[in-house]
Amino acid sequence: DDVYRTILSPIKTAFKIKRVSSTDVVCTY
């Protein structure tokens, strides 16, 4: 129930994104 807005993104600052399964991705920063 802890819900809040953020400017952070999982994707925008990632310099490498790799899909590792049908549902999972690994982002490197």
PDB file of all heavy atoms in Angstrom:
ATOM      1  N   ASP A   1       0.808  -1.221   0.000  1.00  0.00           N
ATOM      2  CA  ASP A   1       0.000   0.000   0.000  1.00  0.00           C
ATOM      3  C   ASP A   1       0.840   1.270   0.000  1.00  0.00           C
ATOM      4  O   ASP A   1       0.307   2.372   0.067  1.00  0.00           O
ATOM      5  CB  ASP A   1      -0.936   0.016   1.215  1.00  0.00           C
ATOM      6  CG  ASP A   1      -2.168  -0.848   0.987  1.00  0.00           C
ATOM      7  OD1 ASP A   1      -2.352  -1.331  -0.144  1.00  0.00           O
ATOM      8  OD2 ASP A   1      -2.942  -1.041   1.946  1.00  0.00           O
ATOM      9  N   ASP A   2       2.148   1.121  -0.078  1.00  0.00           N
ATOM     10  CA  ASP A   2       3.020   2.285  -0.205  1.00  0.00           C
ATOM     11  C   ASP A   2       3.104   2.658  -1.685  1.00  0.00           C
ATOM     12  O   ASP A   2       3.723   1.955  -2.484  1.00  0.00           O
ATOM     13  CB  ASP A   2       4.406   1.969   0.352  1.00  0.00           C
ATOM     14  CG  ASP A   2       5.286   3.209   0.444  1.00  0.00           C
ATOM     15  OD1 ASP A   2       4.728   4.328   0.408  1.00  0.00           O
ATOM     16  OD2 ASP A   2       6.523   3.057   0.546  1.00  0.00           O
ATOM     17  N   VAL A   3       2.449   3.751  -2.054  1.00  0.00           N
ATOM     18  CA  VAL A   3       2.307   4.139  -3.455  1.00  0.00           C
ATOM     19  C   VAL A   3       2.686   5.611  -3.590  1.00  0.00           C
ATOM     20  O   VAL A   3       2.179   6.458  -2.859  1.00  0.00           O
ATOM     21  CB  VAL A   3       0.852   3.921  -3.938  1.00  0.00           C
ATOM     22  CG1 VAL A   3       0.696   4.357  -5.382  1.00  0.00           C
ATOM     23  CG2 VAL A   3       0.449   2.462  -3.788  1.00  0.00           C
ATOM     24  N   TYR A   4       3.602   5.914  -4.522  1.00  0.00           N
ATOM     25  CA  TYR A   4       4.021   7.302  -4.680  1.00  0.00           C
ATOM     26  C   TYR A   4       4.571   7.531  -6.075  1.00  0.00           C
ATOM     27  O   TYR A   4       5.036   6.621  -6.758  1.00  0.00           O
ATOM     28  CB  TYR A   4       5.061   7.690  -3.633  1.00  0.00           C
ATOM     29  CG  TYR A   4       6.298   6.805  -3.603  1.00  0.00           C
ATOM     30  CD1 TYR A   4       7.444   7.150  -4.316  1.00  0.00           C
ATOM     31  CD2 TYR A   4       6.309   5.620  -2.862  1.00  0.00           C
ATOM     32  CE1 TYR A   4       8.569   6.359  -4.292  1.00  0.00           C
ATOM     33  CE2 TYR A   4       7.437   4.816  -2.831  1.00  0.00           C
ATOM     34  CZ  TYR A   4       8.559   5.182  -3.548  1.00  0.00           C
ATOM     35  OH  TYR A   4       9.672   4.373  -3.530  1.00  0.00           O
ATOM     36  N   ARG A   5       4.514   8.797  -6.510  1.00  0.00           N
ATOM     37  CA  ARG A   5       5.025   9.184  -7.817  1.00  0.00           C
ATOM     38  C   ARG A   5       6.544   9.312  -7.785  1.00  0.00           C
ATOM     39  O   ARG A   5       7.129   9.638  -6.743  1.00  0.00           O
ATOM     40  CB  ARG A   5       4.414  10.515  -8.260  1.00  0.00           C
ATOM     41  CG  ARG A   5       2.980  10.395  -8.738  1.00  0.00           C
ATOM     42  CD  ARG A   5       2.434  11.727  -9.191  1.00  0.00           C
ATOM     43  NE  ARG A   5       1.153  11.579  -9.898  1.00  0.00           N
ATOM     44  CZ  ARG A   5       0.448  12.582 -10.355  1.00  0.00           C
ATOM     45  NH1 ARG A   5       0.862  13.826 -10.196  1.00  0.00           N
ATOM     46  NH2 ARG A   5      -0.690  12.364 -10.998  1.00  0.00           N
ATOM     47  N   THR A   6       7.153   9.092  -8.950  1.00  0.00           N
ATOM     48  CA  THR A   6       8.595   9.210  -9.056  1.00  0.00           C
ATOM     49  C   THR A   6       8.977   9.645 -10.462  1.00  0.00           C
ATOM     50  O   THR A   6       8.249   9.364 -11.425  1.00  0.00           O
ATOM     51  CB  THR A   6       9.291   7.871  -8.718  1.00  0.00           C
ATOM     52  OG1 THR A   6      10.713   8.041  -8.822  1.00  0.00           O
ATOM     53  CG2 THR A   6       8.857   6.762  -9.674  1.00  0.00           C
ATOM     54  N   ILE A   7      10.112  10.328 -10.577  1.00  0.00           N
ATOM     55  CA  ILE A   7      10.638  10.641 -11.910  1.00  0.00           C
ATOM     56  C   ILE A   7      11.571   9.537 -12.387  1.00  0.00           C
ATOM     57  O   ILE A   7      12.009   9.536 -13.540  1.00  0.00           O
ATOM     58  CB  ILE A   7      11.388  11.986 -11.921  1.00  0.00           C
ATOM     59  CG1 ILE A   7      12.570  11.959 -10.944  1.00  0.00           C
ATOM     60  CG2 ILE A   7      10.437  13.131 -11.599  1.00  0.00           C
ATOM     61  CD1 ILE A   7      13.471  13.183 -11.042  1.00  0.00           C
ATOM     62  N   LEU A   8      11.877   8.595 -11.512  1.00  0.00           N
ATOM     63  CA  LEU A   8      12.788   7.507 -11.871  1.00  0.00           C
ATOM     64  C   LEU A   8      12.120   6.542 -12.839  1.00  0.00           C
ATOM     65  O   LEU A   8      10.919   6.312 -12.787  1.00  0.00           O
ATOM     66  CB  LEU A   8      13.237   6.751 -10.619  1.00  0.00           C
ATOM     67  CG  LEU A   8      14.023   7.558  -9.581  1.00  0.00           C
ATOM     68  CD1 LEU A   8      14.352   6.692  -8.381  1.00  0.00           C
ATOM     69  CD2 LEU A   8      15.291   8.142 -10.191  1.00  0.00           C
ATOM     70  N   SER A   9      12.924   5.970 -13.708  1.00  0.00           N
ATOM     71  CA  SER A   9      12.432   5.019 -14.700  1.00  0.00           C
ATOM     72  C   SER A   9      13.351   3.801 -14.733  1.00  0.00           C
ATOM     73  O   SER A   9      14.572   3.945 -14.601  1.00  0.00           O
ATOM     74  CB  SER A   9      12.392   5.670 -16.085  1.00  0.00           C
ATOM     75  OG  SER A   9      12.253   4.689 -17.089  1.00  0.00           O
ATOM     76  N   PRO A  10      12.803   2.622 -14.933  1.00  0.00           N
ATOM     77  CA  PRO A  10      13.670   1.446 -15.078  1.00  0.00           C
ATOM     78  C   PRO A  10      14.476   1.464 -16.364  1.00  0.00           C
ATOM     79  O   PRO A  10      15.491   0.774 -16.470  1.00  0.00           O
ATOM     80  CB  PRO A  10      12.661   0.283 -15.096  1.00  0.00           C
ATOM     81  CG  PRO A  10      11.390   0.826 -14.579  1.00  0.00           C
ATOM     82  CD  PRO A  10      11.385   2.262 -14.948  1.00  0.00           C
ATOM     83  N   ILE A  11      14.035   2.259 -17.351  1.00  0.00           N
ATOM     84  CA  ILE A  11      14.572   2.130 -18.703  1.00  0.00           C
ATOM     85  C   ILE A  11      15.432   3.313 -19.128  1.00  0.00           C
ATOM     86  O   ILE A  11      16.466   3.139 -19.768  1.00  0.00           O
ATOM     87  CB  ILE A  11      13.411   1.947 -19.711  1.00  0.00           C
ATOM     88  CG1 ILE A  11      12.605   0.709 -19.347  1.00  0.00           C
ATOM     89  CG2 ILE A  11      13.925   1.838 -21.132  1.00  0.00           C
ATOM     90  CD1 ILE A  11      11.304   0.601 -20.101  1.00  0.00           C
ATOM     91  N   LYS A  12      15.037   4.520 -18.793  1.00  0.00           N
ATOM     92  CA  LYS A  12      15.656   5.708 -19.391  1.00  0.00           C
ATOM     93  C   LYS A  12      17.165   5.781 -19.198  1.00  0.00           C
ATOM     94  O   LYS A  12      17.899   6.187 -20.102  1.00  0.00           O
ATOM     95  CB  LYS A  12      14.997   6.971 -18.830  1.00  0.00           C
ATOM     96  CG  LYS A  12      13.617   7.241 -19.389  1.00  0.00           C
ATOM     97  CD  LYS A  12      13.039   8.516 -18.805  1.00  0.00           C
ATOM     98  CE  LYS A  12      11.627   8.754 -19.300  1.00  0.00           C
ATOM     99  NZ  LYS A  12      11.017   9.951 -18.678  1.00  0.00           N
ATOM    100  N   THR A  13      17.655   5.406 -18.019  1.00  0.00           N
ATOM    101  CA  THR A  13      19.092   5.540 -17.756  1.00  0.00           C
ATOM    102  C   THR A  13      19.855   4.237 -17.936  1.00  0.00           C
ATOM    103  O   THR A  13      21.064   4.193 -17.692  1.00  0.00           O
ATOM    104  CB  THR A  13      19.319   6.070 -16.330  1.00  0.00           C
ATOM    105  OG1 THR A  13      18.737   5.163 -15.385  1.00  0.00           O
ATOM    106  CG2 THR A  13      18.716   7.456 -16.168  1.00  0.00           C
ATOM    107  N   ALA A  14      19.170   3.187 -18.371  1.00  0.00           N
ATOM    108  CA  ALA A  14      19.853   1.909 -18.585  1.00  0.00           C
ATOM    109  C   ALA A  14      20.663   1.962 -19.880  1.00  0.00           C
ATOM    110  O   ALA A  14      20.148   2.351 -20.915  1.00  0.00           O
ATOM    111  CB  ALA A  14      18.842   0.778 -18.644  1.00  0.00           C
ATOM    112  N   PHE A  15      21.966   1.598 -19.825  1.00  0.00           N
ATOM    113  CA  PHE A  15      22.758   1.599 -21.052  1.00  0.00           C
ATOM    114  C   PHE A  15      22.769   0.218 -21.717  1.00  0.00           C
ATOM    115  O   PHE A  15      23.220   0.072 -22.853  1.00  0.00           O
ATOM    116  CB  PHE A  15      24.188   2.093 -20.804  1.00  0.00           C
ATOM    117  CG  PHE A  15      25.060   1.182 -19.988  1.00  0.00           C
ATOM    118  CD1 PHE A  15      25.713   0.097 -20.572  1.00  0.00           C
ATOM    119  CD2 PHE A  15      25.269   1.426 -18.647  1.00  0.00           C
ATOM    120  CE1 PHE A  15      26.542  -0.728 -19.820  1.00  0.00           C
ATOM    121  CE2 PHE A  15      26.081   0.601 -17.888  1.00  0.00           C
ATOM    122  CZ  PHE A  15      26.721  -0.482 -18.472  1.00  0.00           C
ATOM    123  N   LYS A  16      22.195  -0.774 -21.016  1.00  0.00           N
ATOM    124  CA  LYS A  16      22.064  -2.097 -21.610  1.00  0.00           C
ATOM    125  C   LYS A  16      20.803  -2.762 -21.064  1.00  0.00           C
ATOM    126  O   LYS A  16      20.584  -2.787 -19.860  1.00  0.00           O
ATOM    127  CB  LYS A  16      23.291  -2.962 -21.316  1.00  0.00           C
ATOM    128  CG  LYS A  16      23.255  -4.327 -21.992  1.00  0.00           C
ATOM    129  CD  LYS A  16      24.507  -5.121 -21.695  1.00  0.00           C
ATOM    130  CE  LYS A  16      24.465  -6.478 -22.377  1.00  0.00           C
ATOM    131  NZ  LYS A  16      25.685  -7.293 -22.067  1.00  0.00           N
ATOM    132  N   ILE A  17      19.976  -3.276 -21.963  1.00  0.00           N
ATOM    133  CA  ILE A  17      18.756  -3.978 -21.571  1.00  0.00           C
ATOM    134  C   ILE A  17      18.761  -5.339 -22.260  1.00  0.00           C
ATOM    135  O   ILE A  17      18.882  -5.417 -23.487  1.00  0.00           O
ATOM    136  CB  ILE A  17      17.484  -3.193 -21.958  1.00  0.00           C
ATOM    137  CG1 ILE A  17      17.486  -1.811 -21.308  1.00  0.00           C
ATOM    138  CG2 ILE A  17      16.231  -3.962 -21.554  1.00  0.00           C
ATOM    139  CD1 ILE A  17      16.340  -0.922 -21.739  1.00  0.00           C
ATOM    140  N   LYS A  18      18.609  -6.383 -21.484  1.00  0.00           N
ATOM    141  CA  LYS A  18      18.652  -7.742 -22.027  1.00  0.00           C
ATOM    142  C   LYS A  18      17.448  -8.535 -21.541  1.00  0.00           C
ATOM    143  O   LYS A  18      17.165  -8.574 -20.348  1.00  0.00           O
ATOM    144  CB  LYS A  18      19.940  -8.451 -21.612  1.00  0.00           C
ATOM    145  CG  LYS A  18      20.083  -9.860 -22.183  1.00  0.00           C
ATOM    146  CD  LYS A  18      21.384 -10.513 -21.730  1.00  0.00           C
ATOM    147  CE  LYS A  18      21.510 -11.924 -22.289  1.00  0.00           C
ATOM    148  NZ  LYS A  18      22.762 -12.577 -21.832  1.00  0.00           N
ATOM    149  N   ARG A  19      16.768  -9.148 -22.480  1.00  0.00           N
ATOM    150  CA  ARG A  19      15.652 -10.020 -22.121  1.00  0.00           C
ATOM    151  C   ARG A  19      16.213 -11.389 -21.752  1.00  0.00           C
ATOM    152  O   ARG A  19      16.964 -11.992 -22.523  1.00  0.00           O
ATOM    153  CB  ARG A  19      14.680 -10.146 -23.286  1.00  0.00           C
ATOM    154  CG  ARG A  19      13.427 -10.937 -22.951  1.00  0.00           C
ATOM    155  CD  ARG A  19      12.395 -10.835 -24.061  1.00  0.00           C
ATOM    156  NE  ARG A  19      11.113 -11.396 -23.652  1.00  0.00           N
ATOM    157  CZ  ARG A  19       9.961 -11.098 -24.211  1.00  0.00           C
ATOM    158  NH1 ARG A  19       9.922 -10.246 -25.228  1.00  0.00           N
ATOM    159  NH2 ARG A  19       8.833 -11.629 -23.778  1.00  0.00           N
ATOM    160  N   VAL A  20      15.825 -11.891 -20.568  1.00  0.00           N
ATOM    161  CA  VAL A  20      16.390 -13.162 -20.094  1.00  0.00           C
ATOM    162  C   VAL A  20      15.345 -14.264 -19.971  1.00  0.00           C
ATOM    163  O   VAL A  20      15.695 -15.418 -19.729  1.00  0.00           O
ATOM    164  CB  VAL A  20      17.113 -12.969 -18.742  1.00  0.00           C
ATOM    165  CG1 VAL A  20      18.334 -12.075 -18.930  1.00  0.00           C
ATOM    166  CG2 VAL A  20      16.182 -12.397 -17.681  1.00  0.00           C
ATOM    167  N   SER A  21      14.068 -13.919 -20.119  1.00  0.00           N
ATOM    168  CA  SER A  21      13.001 -14.927 -20.112  1.00  0.00           C
ATOM    169  C   SER A  21      11.764 -14.307 -20.737  1.00  0.00           C
ATOM    170  O   SER A  21      11.789 -13.164 -21.189  1.00  0.00           O
ATOM    171  CB  SER A  21      12.699 -15.414 -18.686  1.00  0.00           C
ATOM    172  OG  SER A  21      11.983 -14.434 -17.958  1.00  0.00           O
ATOM    173  N   SER A  22      10.675 -15.042 -20.731  1.00  0.00           N
ATOM    174  CA  SER A  22       9.439 -14.517 -21.324  1.00  0.00           C
ATOM    175  C   SER A  22       8.894 -13.325 -20.561  1.00  0.00           C
ATOM    176  O   SER A  22       8.148 -12.510 -21.102  1.00  0.00           O
ATOM    177  CB  SER A  22       8.378 -15.617 -21.380  1.00  0.00           C
ATOM    178  OG  SER A  22       8.064 -16.068 -20.066  1.00  0.00           O
ATOM    179  N   THR A  23       9.283 -13.187 -19.293  1.00  0.00           N
ATOM    180  CA  THR A  23       8.755 -12.091 -18.475  1.00  0.00           C
ATOM    181  C   THR A  23       9.831 -11.201 -17.865  1.00  0.00           C
ATOM    182  O   THR A  23       9.504 -10.131 -17.351  1.00  0.00           O
ATOM    183  CB  THR A  23       7.898 -12.647 -17.321  1.00  0.00           C
ATOM    184  OG1 THR A  23       8.705 -13.520 -16.517  1.00  0.00           O
ATOM    185  CG2 THR A  23       6.690 -13.410 -17.846  1.00  0.00           C
ATOM    186  N   ASP A  24      11.107 -11.614 -17.911  1.00  0.00           N
ATOM    187  CA  ASP A  24      12.150 -10.904 -17.174  1.00  0.00           C
ATOM    188  C   ASP A  24      13.131 -10.189 -18.093  1.00  0.00           C
ATOM    189  O   ASP A  24      13.481 -10.677 -19.179  1.00  0.00           O
ATOM    190  CB  ASP A  24      12.933 -11.873 -16.278  1.00  0.00           C
ATOM    191  CG  ASP A  24      12.092 -12.410 -15.138  1.00  0.00           C
ATOM    192  OD1 ASP A  24      10.913 -12.024 -15.041  1.00  0.00           O
ATOM    193  OD2 ASP A  24      12.608 -13.220 -14.344  1.00  0.00           O
ATOM    194  N   VAL A  25      13.572  -9.010 -17.637  1.00  0.00           N
ATOM    195  CA  VAL A  25      14.646  -8.278 -18.312  1.00  0.00           C
ATOM    196  C   VAL A  25      15.674  -7.866 -17.271  1.00  0.00           C
ATOM    197  O   VAL A  25      15.348  -7.664 -16.094  1.00  0.00           O
ATOM    198  CB  VAL A  25      14.121  -7.024 -19.052  1.00  0.00           C
ATOM    199  CG1 VAL A  25      13.201  -7.400 -20.190  1.00  0.00           C
ATOM    200  CG2 VAL A  25      13.441  -6.064 -18.092  1.00  0.00           C
ATOM    201  N   VAL A  26      16.923  -7.760 -17.726  1.00  0.00           N
ATOM    202  CA  VAL A  26      18.005  -7.254 -16.877  1.00  0.00           C
ATOM    203  C   VAL A  26      18.479  -5.933 -17.457  1.00  0.00           C
ATOM    204  O   VAL A  26      18.831  -5.840 -18.635  1.00  0.00           O
ATOM    205  CB  VAL A  26      19.178  -8.248 -16.796  1.00  0.00           C
ATOM    206  CG1 VAL A  26      20.325  -7.628 -15.997  1.00  0.00           C
ATOM    207  CG2 VAL A  26      18.736  -9.554 -16.153  1.00  0.00           C
ATOM    208  N   CYS A  27      18.454  -4.885 -16.622  1.00  0.00           N
ATOM    209  CA  CYS A  27      18.917  -3.568 -17.032  1.00  0.00           C
ATOM    210  C   CYS A  27      20.230  -3.261 -16.317  1.00  0.00           C
ATOM    211  O   CYS A  27      20.345  -3.475 -15.097  1.00  0.00           O
ATOM    212  CB  CYS A  27      17.887  -2.497 -16.691  1.00  0.00           C
ATOM    213  SG  CYS A  27      16.338  -2.658 -17.604  1.00  0.00           S
ATOM    214  N   THR A  28      21.193  -2.754 -17.074  1.00  0.00           N
ATOM    215  CA  THR A  28      22.495  -2.393 -16.522  1.00  0.00           C
ATOM    216  C   THR A  28      22.660  -0.874 -16.566  1.00  0.00           C
ATOM    217  O   THR A  28      22.349  -0.233 -17.575  1.00  0.00           O
ATOM    218  CB  THR A  28      23.629  -3.058 -17.316  1.00  0.00           C
ATOM    219  OG1 THR A  28      23.401  -4.476 -17.367  1.00  0.00           O
ATOM    220  CG2 THR A  28      24.974  -2.806 -16.650  1.00  0.00           C
ATOM    221  N   TYR A  29      23.157  -0.316 -15.461  1.00  0.00           N
ATOM    222  CA  TYR A  29      23.231   1.140 -15.310  1.00  0.00           C
ATOM    223  C   TYR A  29      24.644   1.575 -14.927  1.00  0.00           C
ATOM    224  O   TYR A  29      25.441   0.781 -14.410  1.00  0.00           O
ATOM    225  CB  TYR A  29      22.285   1.606 -14.197  1.00  0.00           C
ATOM    226  CG  TYR A  29      20.859   1.141 -14.316  1.00  0.00           C
ATOM    227  CD1 TYR A  29      20.450  -0.075 -13.769  1.00  0.00           C
ATOM    228  CD2 TYR A  29      19.900   1.916 -14.959  1.00  0.00           C
ATOM    229  CE1 TYR A  29      19.134  -0.505 -13.864  1.00  0.00           C
ATOM    230  CE2 TYR A  29      18.590   1.505 -15.057  1.00  0.00           C
ATOM    231  CZ  TYR A  29      18.208   0.282 -14.508  1.00  0.00           C
ATOM    232  OH  TYR A  29      16.902  -0.142 -14.595  1.00  0.00           O
TER     233      TYR A  29
END
